[in-house]
Amino acid sequence: MASSGMARRDPLANKVALVTASTDGIGFAIARRLARDGAHVVISSRKQQNVDRAVAALQGEGLSVAGTVCHVGKAEDRKRLVATAVNLHGGIDILVSNAAVSPFFGNLMDVTEEVWDKLWMDKAREESIKETMQIRRIGKPDDCAGIVSFLCSEDASYITGETVVVGGGTPSRL
């Protein structure tokens, strides 16, 4: 379907999205954007308290969101996550596999705020990174959410096999 050139309201209306590791950071931003664009979203985290907090926040915005605990490394958790989406909404149209583990540092979601702040909240370090990477600012989780929503919409139906770099203008290299 070709775009009419006008922004459509609720481009993901009645779609069902399942987003892993989506109670904080980029996953949360993606879940929020998909829901704001009309999708029914099922979020997940390894901890129930994170699921409860994120679901309450998004439902508080009037968004269609449910959630369940899921450690994507466990088959029974993955089955429960899919079953939750199917039982609530009859199927899954969109899957965002956001859960990640860094082989060098361990699970990124296990990094404490103190360590994260030391890495990214130091203004001198931030300025150095921006200068080295030749970017104006450090990216934020919401910077990724828009392209994910677009790629899940009919407006992207003719896009296949592409890599889209959300990098603030930094060059992409293999």
Protein backbone atom coordinates (compact mmCIF):
# COMPACT_ATOMS: atom_id res chain seq x y z
CA MET A 1 0.00 0.00 0.00
CA ALA A 2 1.47 3.35 -0.97
CA SER A 3 1.47 6.21 1.48
CA SER A 4 -0.90 9.06 0.76
CA GLY A 5 1.72 11.53 1.93
CA MET A 6 -0.41 12.49 4.93
CA ALA A 7 0.24 11.23 8.41
CA ARG A 8 -2.30 8.60 9.32
CA ARG A 9 -3.81 8.41 12.74
CA ASP A 10 -3.29 5.09 14.49
CA PRO A 11 -1.23 3.40 11.75
CA LEU A 12 -1.09 0.24 13.89
CA ALA A 13 -4.77 0.12 14.85
CA ASN A 14 -5.90 -3.36 15.88
CA LYS A 15 -2.43 -4.84 15.50
CA VAL A 16 -1.03 -6.90 18.36
CA ALA A 17 2.58 -6.26 19.33
CA LEU A 18 4.73 -8.35 21.63
CA VAL A 19 7.86 -6.57 22.88
CA THR A 20 10.47 -8.41 24.93
CA ALA A 21 12.49 -6.65 27.64
CA SER A 22 10.13 -3.71 27.45
CA THR A 23 9.72 -2.26 30.91
CA ASP A 24 12.56 0.25 30.67
CA GLY A 25 14.82 2.02 28.19
CA ILE A 26 14.50 1.36 24.46
CA GLY A 27 12.02 -1.51 24.92
CA PHE A 28 9.70 0.67 26.98
CA ALA A 29 9.95 3.53 24.47
CA ILE A 30 9.11 1.13 21.63
CA ALA A 31 6.17 -0.39 23.52
CA ARG A 32 4.83 3.09 24.29
CA ARG A 33 5.16 4.24 20.67
CA LEU A 34 3.49 1.12 19.25
CA ALA A 35 0.60 1.54 21.70
CA ARG A 36 0.30 5.26 20.94
CA ASP A 37 0.11 4.33 17.26
CA GLY A 38 -2.86 2.07 17.99
CA ALA A 39 -1.42 -1.38 18.69
CA HIS A 40 -2.43 -3.61 21.58
CA VAL A 41 0.94 -4.24 23.25
CA VAL A 42 2.12 -7.08 25.47
CA ILE A 43 5.26 -6.17 27.38
CA SER A 44 7.63 -8.34 29.37
CA SER A 45 10.45 -8.33 31.87
CA ARG A 46 12.19 -10.92 34.00
CA LYS A 47 10.74 -9.29 37.13
CA GLN A 48 7.05 -8.97 37.99
CA GLN A 49 7.58 -5.63 39.74
CA ASN A 50 9.00 -4.17 36.51
CA VAL A 51 6.04 -5.50 34.50
CA ASP A 52 3.55 -4.08 37.01
CA ARG A 53 5.22 -0.66 37.04
CA ALA A 54 5.44 -0.39 33.24
CA VAL A 55 1.89 -1.65 32.64
CA ALA A 56 0.53 0.84 35.19
CA ALA A 57 2.46 3.71 33.60
CA LEU A 58 1.29 2.92 30.07
CA GLN A 59 -2.29 2.15 31.04
CA GLY A 60 -2.22 5.44 32.96
CA GLU A 61 -1.68 7.11 29.58
CA GLY A 62 -4.81 5.36 28.29
CA LEU A 63 -2.84 2.84 26.21
CA SER A 64 -3.82 -0.76 25.49
CA VAL A 65 -1.08 -2.67 27.31
CA ALA A 66 -0.77 -5.95 29.20
CA GLY A 67 2.32 -7.68 30.48
CA THR A 68 3.83 -10.84 31.86
CA VAL A 69 7.10 -12.08 33.28
CA CYS A 70 9.41 -13.56 30.69
CA HIS A 71 13.06 -14.53 30.73
CA VAL A 72 13.63 -15.07 27.01
CA GLY A 73 16.34 -17.62 27.78
CA LYS A 74 13.68 -19.96 29.20
CA ALA A 75 11.41 -21.86 26.80
CA GLU A 76 8.47 -22.04 29.22
CA ASP A 77 8.61 -18.26 29.75
CA ARG A 78 8.62 -17.64 25.99
CA LYS A 79 5.61 -19.94 25.60
CA ARG A 80 3.76 -18.08 28.36
CA LEU A 81 4.55 -14.73 26.74
CA VAL A 82 3.16 -15.83 23.38
CA ALA A 83 0.14 -17.46 25.06
CA THR A 84 -0.60 -14.20 26.89
CA ALA A 85 -0.77 -12.28 23.62
CA VAL A 86 -2.81 -14.99 21.89
CA ASN A 87 -5.25 -15.39 24.78
CA LEU A 88 -5.80 -11.64 25.12
CA HIS A 89 -5.85 -10.64 21.46
CA GLY A 90 -6.11 -13.75 19.28
CA GLY A 91 -2.63 -13.61 17.78
CA ILE A 92 0.53 -11.61 17.23
CA ASP A 93 1.14 -9.25 14.32
CA ILE A 94 4.37 -7.61 15.50
CA LEU A 95 7.29 -9.12 17.41
CA VAL A 96 10.03 -6.85 18.73
CA SER A 97 12.85 -8.99 20.10
CA ASN A 98 14.46 -6.34 22.27
CA ALA A 99 16.05 -8.54 24.96
CA ALA A 100 19.83 -8.48 24.69
CA VAL A 101 22.88 -9.82 26.45
CA SER A 102 26.33 -8.37 25.98
CA PRO A 103 28.94 -11.16 25.86
CA PHE A 104 31.53 -8.70 27.17
CA PHE A 105 29.69 -7.20 30.10
CA GLY A 106 26.82 -9.55 30.85
CA ASN A 107 23.17 -8.71 30.63
CA LEU A 108 22.77 -5.02 29.86
CA MET A 109 19.60 -4.92 31.98
CA ASP A 110 21.63 -5.99 35.04
CA VAL A 111 23.94 -2.95 34.91
CA THR A 112 23.31 -0.82 37.98
CA GLU A 113 22.24 2.80 37.64
CA GLU A 114 25.48 3.81 39.34
CA VAL A 115 27.59 2.09 36.67
CA TRP A 116 25.37 3.36 33.86
CA ASP A 117 25.60 6.91 35.20
CA LYS A 118 29.39 6.65 35.34
CA LEU A 119 29.42 5.62 31.68
CA TRP A 120 26.93 8.10 30.25
CA MET A 121 26.10 10.87 32.66
CA ASP A 122 29.59 12.28 32.96
CA LYS A 123 29.36 15.52 30.95
CA ALA A 124 33.03 15.48 29.95
CA ARG A 125 32.72 11.90 28.71
CA GLU A 126 29.50 12.74 26.87
CA GLU A 127 31.18 15.69 25.14
CA SER A 128 34.14 13.49 24.21
CA ILE A 129 31.84 10.81 22.78
CA LYS A 130 29.86 13.38 20.80
CA GLU A 131 33.05 14.88 19.38
CA THR A 132 34.58 11.50 18.54
CA MET A 133 31.38 10.23 16.91
CA GLN A 134 30.65 13.63 15.33
CA ILE A 135 27.09 13.81 16.65
CA ARG A 136 25.20 16.65 18.31
CA ARG A 137 23.73 14.65 21.17
CA ILE A 138 23.64 11.20 22.72
CA GLY A 139 20.63 9.21 21.56
CA LYS A 140 17.60 8.58 23.74
CA PRO A 141 15.31 5.52 23.80
CA ASP A 142 12.53 7.44 22.01
CA ASP A 143 14.89 7.97 19.06
CA CYS A 144 14.53 4.27 18.21
CA ALA A 145 10.79 3.99 18.75
CA GLY A 146 9.64 5.95 15.70
CA ILE A 147 11.52 3.87 13.16
CA VAL A 148 10.30 0.65 14.80
CA SER A 149 6.69 1.83 14.58
CA PHE A 150 7.17 2.89 10.96
CA LEU A 151 8.67 -0.49 10.00
CA CYS A 152 5.70 -2.23 11.65
CA SER A 153 3.20 -0.15 9.66
CA GLU A 154 1.74 -0.59 6.18
CA ASP A 155 3.79 2.43 5.10
CA ALA A 156 6.84 0.17 5.22
CA SER A 157 5.22 -2.76 3.40
CA TYR A 158 7.61 -2.52 0.45
CA ILE A 159 10.75 -2.36 2.60
CA THR A 160 12.47 -5.73 2.88
CA GLY A 161 15.90 -6.85 4.02
CA GLU A 162 17.19 -3.42 4.96
CA THR A 163 19.31 -2.35 7.89
CA VAL A 164 18.24 0.98 9.32
CA VAL A 165 20.84 2.59 11.57
CA VAL A 166 19.46 4.85 14.28
CA GLY A 167 22.76 6.47 15.03
CA GLY A 168 22.41 10.23 14.90
CA GLY A 169 24.42 10.44 11.71
CA THR A 170 27.29 8.18 12.76
CA PRO A 171 28.59 5.99 9.95
CA SER A 172 27.59 2.35 10.01
CA ARG A 173 30.37 -0.17 9.46
CA LEU A 174 30.72 -3.91 9.73
